[in-house]
């Protein structure tokens, strides 16, 4: 999935939409996570990031 997250970051570069920089940062974070053995802190941040991204993209529950 990381290549799709990074493609979305590229697509957001020219956006003037509020929150696009935060969305880009969080997509980059999710893309760099290991496939397994995430720490509890990484899991918590990833869950918070996916909630924000679901809101940002208007896709409630899609990522979470």
Protein backbone atom coordinates (compact mmCIF):
# COMPACT_ATOMS: atom_id res chain seq x y z
CA UNK A 1 0.00 0.00 0.00
CA UNK A 2 2.92 2.33 0.54
CA UNK A 3 3.27 3.10 -3.18
CA UNK A 4 -0.37 4.23 -3.27
CA UNK A 5 0.09 6.42 -0.20
CA UNK A 6 3.17 8.00 -1.79
CA UNK A 7 1.29 8.54 -5.07
CA UNK A 8 -1.41 10.35 -3.09
CA UNK A 9 1.28 12.55 -1.51
CA UNK A 10 2.44 13.49 -5.01
CA UNK A 11 -1.13 14.25 -6.06
CA UNK A 12 -1.64 16.48 -3.02
CA UNK A 13 1.44 18.63 -3.73
CA UNK A 14 -0.43 21.19 -5.82
CA UNK A 15 -3.51 21.24 -3.63
CA UNK A 16 -4.69 24.37 -1.89
CA UNK A 17 -7.19 22.37 0.16
CA UNK A 18 -6.95 23.02 3.90
CA UNK A 19 -5.18 20.17 5.65
CA UNK A 20 -3.34 18.91 2.57
CA UNK A 21 0.09 19.26 4.18
CA UNK A 22 -0.99 17.32 7.28
CA UNK A 23 -2.53 14.65 5.02
CA UNK A 24 0.73 14.41 3.07
CA UNK A 25 2.77 14.07 6.24
CA UNK A 26 0.52 11.35 7.62
CA UNK A 27 0.46 9.43 4.34
CA UNK A 28 4.27 9.48 4.31
CA UNK A 29 4.32 8.20 7.89
CA UNK A 30 1.96 5.33 7.07
CA UNK A 31 4.01 4.44 3.99
CA UNK A 32 7.20 4.02 6.02
CA UNK A 33 5.72 1.72 8.68
CA UNK A 34 6.93 -1.87 8.71
CA UNK A 35 4.46 -4.49 7.51
CA UNK A 36 4.54 -6.28 10.87
CA UNK A 37 5.71 -5.77 14.44
CA UNK A 38 4.67 -2.13 14.78
CA UNK A 39 5.25 -0.77 18.27
CA UNK A 40 2.22 0.26 20.32
CA UNK A 41 3.19 3.91 19.73
CA UNK A 42 3.33 3.36 15.95
CA UNK A 43 -0.04 1.60 16.05
CA UNK A 44 -1.62 4.46 18.00
CA UNK A 45 -0.23 7.10 15.63
CA UNK A 46 -1.32 5.09 12.60
CA UNK A 47 -4.85 4.83 13.98
CA UNK A 48 -4.99 8.59 14.59
CA UNK A 49 -3.57 9.24 11.12
CA UNK A 50 -6.14 7.00 9.42
CA UNK A 51 -9.00 8.72 11.27
CA UNK A 52 -7.72 12.11 10.07
CA UNK A 53 -7.25 10.83 6.51
CA UNK A 54 -10.74 9.30 6.43
CA UNK A 55 -12.11 12.71 7.40
CA UNK A 56 -9.83 14.61 5.00
CA UNK A 57 -10.76 12.45 2.01
CA UNK A 58 -14.41 12.08 3.04
CA UNK A 59 -14.16 8.30 3.28
CA UNK A 60 -15.36 7.45 6.79
CA UNK A 61 -14.13 4.03 7.86
CA UNK A 62 -12.29 3.28 4.62
CA UNK A 63 -8.81 3.16 6.10
CA UNK A 64 -9.67 2.28 9.69
